[in-house]
C-alpha atoms as a PDB file:
ATOM      1  CA  UNK A   1     -12.234  15.781  -8.396  1.00  0.00           C
ATOM      2  CA  UNK A   2     -12.963  12.598 -10.062  1.00  0.00           C
ATOM      3  CA  UNK A   3     -10.142  13.276 -12.578  1.00  0.00           C
ATOM      4  CA  UNK A   4      -7.661  14.006  -9.629  1.00  0.00           C
ATOM      5  CA  UNK A   5      -8.583  10.616  -7.966  1.00  0.00           C
ATOM      6  CA  UNK A   6      -8.242   8.686 -11.476  1.00  0.00           C
ATOM      7  CA  UNK A   7      -4.570  10.366 -11.696  1.00  0.00           C
ATOM      8  CA  UNK A   8      -4.572   9.912 -15.451  1.00  0.00           C
ATOM      9  CA  UNK A   9      -5.551   6.227 -15.615  1.00  0.00           C
ATOM     10  CA  UNK A  10      -3.220   5.293 -12.826  1.00  0.00           C
ATOM     11  CA  UNK A  11      -5.339   6.095  -9.617  1.00  0.00           C
ATOM     12  CA  UNK A  12      -6.191   2.420  -9.166  1.00  0.00           C
ATOM     13  CA  UNK A  13      -2.499   1.332  -8.781  1.00  0.00           C
ATOM     14  CA  UNK A  14      -1.693   4.718  -6.767  1.00  0.00           C
ATOM     15  CA  UNK A  15      -4.556   4.447  -4.357  1.00  0.00           C
ATOM     16  CA  UNK A  16      -4.014   0.773  -4.074  1.00  0.00           C
ATOM     17  CA  UNK A  17      -0.453   1.066  -3.155  1.00  0.00           C
ATOM     18  CA  UNK A  18      -1.589   3.821  -0.449  1.00  0.00           C
ATOM     19  CA  UNK A  19      -4.213   1.385   0.875  1.00  0.00           C
ATOM     20  CA  UNK A  20      -1.847  -1.547   0.991  1.00  0.00           C
ATOM     21  CA  UNK A  21       0.870   0.533   2.670  1.00  0.00           C
ATOM     22  CA  UNK A  22      -1.713   1.831   5.361  1.00  0.00           C
ATOM     23  CA  UNK A  23      -2.813  -1.644   5.895  1.00  0.00           C
ATOM     24  CA  UNK A  24       0.624  -3.009   6.433  1.00  0.00           C
ATOM     25  CA  UNK A  25       1.227  -0.085   8.860  1.00  0.00           C
ATOM     26  CA  UNK A  26      -1.860  -0.986  10.840  1.00  0.00           C
ATOM     27  CA  UNK A  27      -0.960  -4.698  10.991  1.00  0.00           C
ATOM     28  CA  UNK A  28       2.568  -3.970  11.792  1.00  0.00           C
ATOM     29  CA  UNK A  29       1.567  -1.773  14.946  1.00  0.00           C
ATOM     30  CA  UNK A  30      -0.934  -4.183  16.042  1.00  0.00           C
ATOM     31  CA  UNK A  31       1.812  -7.154  15.849  1.00  0.00           C
ATOM     32  CA  UNK A  32       4.258  -4.806  17.726  1.00  0.00           C
ATOM     33  CA  UNK A  33       1.794  -4.289  20.757  1.00  0.00           C
ATOM     34  CA  UNK A  34       1.067  -7.983  20.743  1.00  0.00           C
ATOM     35  CA  UNK A  35       4.734  -9.050  20.932  1.00  0.00           C
ATOM     36  CA  UNK A  36       5.283  -6.195  23.471  1.00  0.00           C
ATOM     37  CA  UNK A  37       2.423  -7.648  25.700  1.00  0.00           C
ATOM     38  CA  UNK A  38       3.791 -11.228  25.169  1.00  0.00           C
ATOM     39  CA  UNK A  39       7.194 -10.163  26.373  1.00  0.00           C
ATOM     40  CA  UNK A  40       6.238  -8.319  29.504  1.00  0.00           C
ATOM     41  CA  UNK A  41       4.030 -11.424  30.514  1.00  0.00           C
ATOM     42  CA  UNK A  42       7.184 -13.700  29.934  1.00  0.00           C
ATOM     43  CA  UNK A  43       9.249 -11.381  31.882  1.00  0.00           C
ATOM     44  CA  UNK A  44       6.801 -11.052  34.720  1.00  0.00           C
ATOM     45  CA  UNK A  45       6.481 -14.873  35.049  1.00  0.00           C
ATOM     46  CA  UNK A  46      10.219 -15.206  34.590  1.00  0.00           C
ATOM     47  CA  UNK A  47      10.597 -12.610  37.652  1.00  0.00           C
ATOM     48  CA  UNK A  48       8.056 -14.325  39.830  1.00  0.00           C
ATOM     49  CA  UNK A  49       9.945 -17.748  39.356  1.00  0.00           C
ATOM     50  CA  UNK A  50      13.026 -16.148  40.241  1.00  0.00           C
ATOM     51  CA  UNK A  51      11.664 -14.457  43.399  1.00  0.00           C
ATOM     52  CA  UNK A  52      10.252 -17.819  44.408  1.00  0.00           C
ATOM     53  CA  UNK A  53      13.439 -19.732  44.149  1.00  0.00           C
ATOM     54  CA  UNK A  54      15.590 -17.166  46.025  1.00  0.00           C
END
């Protein structure tokens, strides 16, 4: 099993690449959710402002 994780001496680079990719995927998901929340809040404010003007 340890030999499989070592992957012929390249395990550090391979598993490191997987870890960095997973980290970026998690960060990107968090950023998308935050952007969506911000956008929805802005749209809500804009709609309330438009309804007050009319």
